[in-house]
């Protein structure tokens, strides 16, 4: 059960970092 939560949390952080990287690239 915790594994799924950890995966979702990691996926969210990965998406956030990707969005941040895209924002920096646009700048």
PDB file of N, CA and C in Angstrom:
ATOM      1  N   UNK A   1       0.845  -1.188   0.000  1.00  0.00           N
ATOM      2  CA  UNK A   1       0.000   0.000   0.000  1.00  0.00           C
ATOM      3  C   UNK A   1       0.886   1.247   0.000  1.00  0.00           C
ATOM      4  N   UNK A   2       1.864   1.277   0.909  1.00  0.00           N
ATOM      5  CA  UNK A   2       2.749   2.452   0.985  1.00  0.00           C
ATOM      6  C   UNK A   2       3.566   2.601  -0.294  1.00  0.00           C
ATOM      7  N   UNK A   3       3.813   1.461  -0.971  1.00  0.00           N
ATOM      8  CA  UNK A   3       4.603   1.509  -2.195  1.00  0.00           C
ATOM      9  C   UNK A   3       3.881   2.353  -3.245  1.00  0.00           C
ATOM     10  N   UNK A   4       2.571   2.153  -3.360  1.00  0.00           N
ATOM     11  CA  UNK A   4       1.797   2.905  -4.346  1.00  0.00           C
ATOM     12  C   UNK A   4       1.844   4.396  -4.009  1.00  0.00           C
ATOM     13  N   UNK A   5       1.699   4.710  -2.727  1.00  0.00           N
ATOM     14  CA  UNK A   5       1.727   6.110  -2.301  1.00  0.00           C
ATOM     15  C   UNK A   5       3.081   6.740  -2.625  1.00  0.00           C
ATOM     16  N   UNK A   6       4.138   5.990  -2.344  1.00  0.00           N
ATOM     17  CA  UNK A   6       5.484   6.496  -2.612  1.00  0.00           C
ATOM     18  C   UNK A   6       5.660   6.732  -4.107  1.00  0.00           C
ATOM     19  N   UNK A   7       5.124   5.823  -4.912  1.00  0.00           N
ATOM     20  CA  UNK A   7       5.248   5.965  -6.364  1.00  0.00           C
ATOM     21  C   UNK A   7       4.525   7.222  -6.837  1.00  0.00           C
ATOM     22  N   UNK A   8       3.325   7.433  -6.322  1.00  0.00           N
ATOM     23  CA  UNK A   8       2.549   8.618  -6.710  1.00  0.00           C
ATOM     24  C   UNK A   8       3.277   9.880  -6.276  1.00  0.00           C
ATOM     25  N   UNK A   9       3.821   9.855  -5.062  1.00  0.00           N
ATOM     26  CA  UNK A   9       4.534  11.022  -4.541  1.00  0.00           C
ATOM     27  C   UNK A   9       5.759  11.313  -5.408  1.00  0.00           C
ATOM     28  N   UNK A  10       6.472  10.258  -5.772  1.00  0.00           N
ATOM     29  CA  UNK A  10       7.666  10.424  -6.587  1.00  0.00           C
ATOM     30  C   UNK A  10       7.288  10.952  -7.965  1.00  0.00           C
ATOM     31  N   UNK A  11       6.205  10.410  -8.523  1.00  0.00           N
ATOM     32  CA  UNK A  11       5.759  10.830  -9.850  1.00  0.00           C
ATOM     33  C   UNK A  11       5.388  12.316  -9.812  1.00  0.00           C
ATOM     34  N   UNK A  12       4.729  12.733  -8.741  1.00  0.00           N
ATOM     35  CA  UNK A  12       4.326  14.133  -8.625  1.00  0.00           C
ATOM     36  C   UNK A  12       5.554  15.033  -8.543  1.00  0.00           C
ATOM     37  N   UNK A  13       6.523  14.619  -7.745  1.00  0.00           N
ATOM     38  CA  UNK A  13       7.742  15.424  -7.611  1.00  0.00           C
ATOM     39  C   UNK A  13       8.483  15.490  -8.941  1.00  0.00           C
ATOM     40  N   UNK A  14       8.489  14.371  -9.663  1.00  0.00           N
ATOM     41  CA  UNK A  14       9.164  14.337 -10.958  1.00  0.00           C
ATOM     42  C   UNK A  14       8.480  15.300 -11.923  1.00  0.00           C
ATOM     43  N   UNK A  15       7.153  15.296 -11.913  1.00  0.00           N
ATOM     44  CA  UNK A  15       6.404  16.191 -12.794  1.00  0.00           C
ATOM     45  C   UNK A  15       6.677  17.646 -12.422  1.00  0.00           C
ATOM     46  N   UNK A  16       6.701  17.924 -11.129  1.00  0.00           N
ATOM     47  CA  UNK A  16       6.934  19.297 -10.667  1.00  0.00           C
ATOM     48  C   UNK A  16       8.319  19.756 -11.096  1.00  0.00           C
ATOM     49  N   UNK A  17       9.307  18.886 -10.924  1.00  0.00           N
ATOM     50  CA  UNK A  17      10.677  19.261 -11.310  1.00  0.00           C
ATOM     51  C   UNK A  17      10.752  19.463 -12.819  1.00  0.00           C
ATOM     52  N   UNK A  18      10.040  18.636 -13.565  1.00  0.00           N
ATOM     53  CA  UNK A  18      10.061  18.764 -15.024  1.00  0.00           C
ATOM     54  C   UNK A  18       9.450  20.102 -15.429  1.00  0.00           C
ATOM     55  N   UNK A  19       8.332  20.451 -14.787  1.00  0.00           N
ATOM     56  CA  UNK A  19       7.667  21.721 -15.104  1.00  0.00           C
ATOM     57  C   UNK A  19       8.600  22.881 -14.757  1.00  0.00           C
ATOM     58  N   UNK A  20       9.284  22.765 -13.623  1.00  0.00           N
ATOM     59  CA  UNK A  20      10.196  23.828 -13.207  1.00  0.00           C
ATOM     60  C   UNK A  20      11.335  23.949 -14.212  1.00  0.00           C
ATOM     61  N   UNK A  21      11.842  22.814 -14.661  1.00  0.00           N
ATOM     62  CA  UNK A  21      12.936  22.826 -15.629  1.00  0.00           C
ATOM     63  C   UNK A  21      12.463  23.465 -16.934  1.00  0.00           C
ATOM     64  N   UNK A  22      11.228  23.150 -17.341  1.00  0.00           N
ATOM     65  CA  UNK A  22      10.686  23.721 -18.572  1.00  0.00           C
ATOM     66  C   UNK A  22      10.566  25.239 -18.418  1.00  0.00           C
ATOM     67  N   UNK A  23      10.128  25.677 -17.238  1.00  0.00           N
ATOM     68  CA  UNK A  23       9.973  27.106 -16.988  1.00  0.00           C
ATOM     69  C   UNK A  23      11.332  27.795 -17.074  1.00  0.00           C
ATOM     70  N   UNK A  24      12.340  27.183 -16.489  1.00  0.00           N
ATOM     71  CA  UNK A  24      13.688  27.759 -16.523  1.00  0.00           C
ATOM     72  C   UNK A  24      14.193  27.811 -17.958  1.00  0.00           C
ATOM     73  N   UNK A  25      13.892  26.769 -18.722  1.00  0.00           N
ATOM     74  CA  UNK A  25      14.340  26.720 -20.112  1.00  0.00           C
ATOM     75  C   UNK A  25      13.670  27.825 -20.917  1.00  0.00           C
ATOM     76  N   UNK A  26      12.390  28.075 -20.638  1.00  0.00           N
ATOM     77  CA  UNK A  26      11.668  29.113 -21.363  1.00  0.00           C
ATOM     78  C   UNK A  26      12.303  30.465 -21.061  1.00  0.00           C
ATOM     79  N   UNK A  27      12.724  30.640 -19.829  1.00  0.00           N
ATOM     80  CA  UNK A  27      13.344  31.900 -19.432  1.00  0.00           C
ATOM     81  C   UNK A  27      14.705  32.006 -20.088  1.00  0.00           C
TER      82      UNK A  27
END
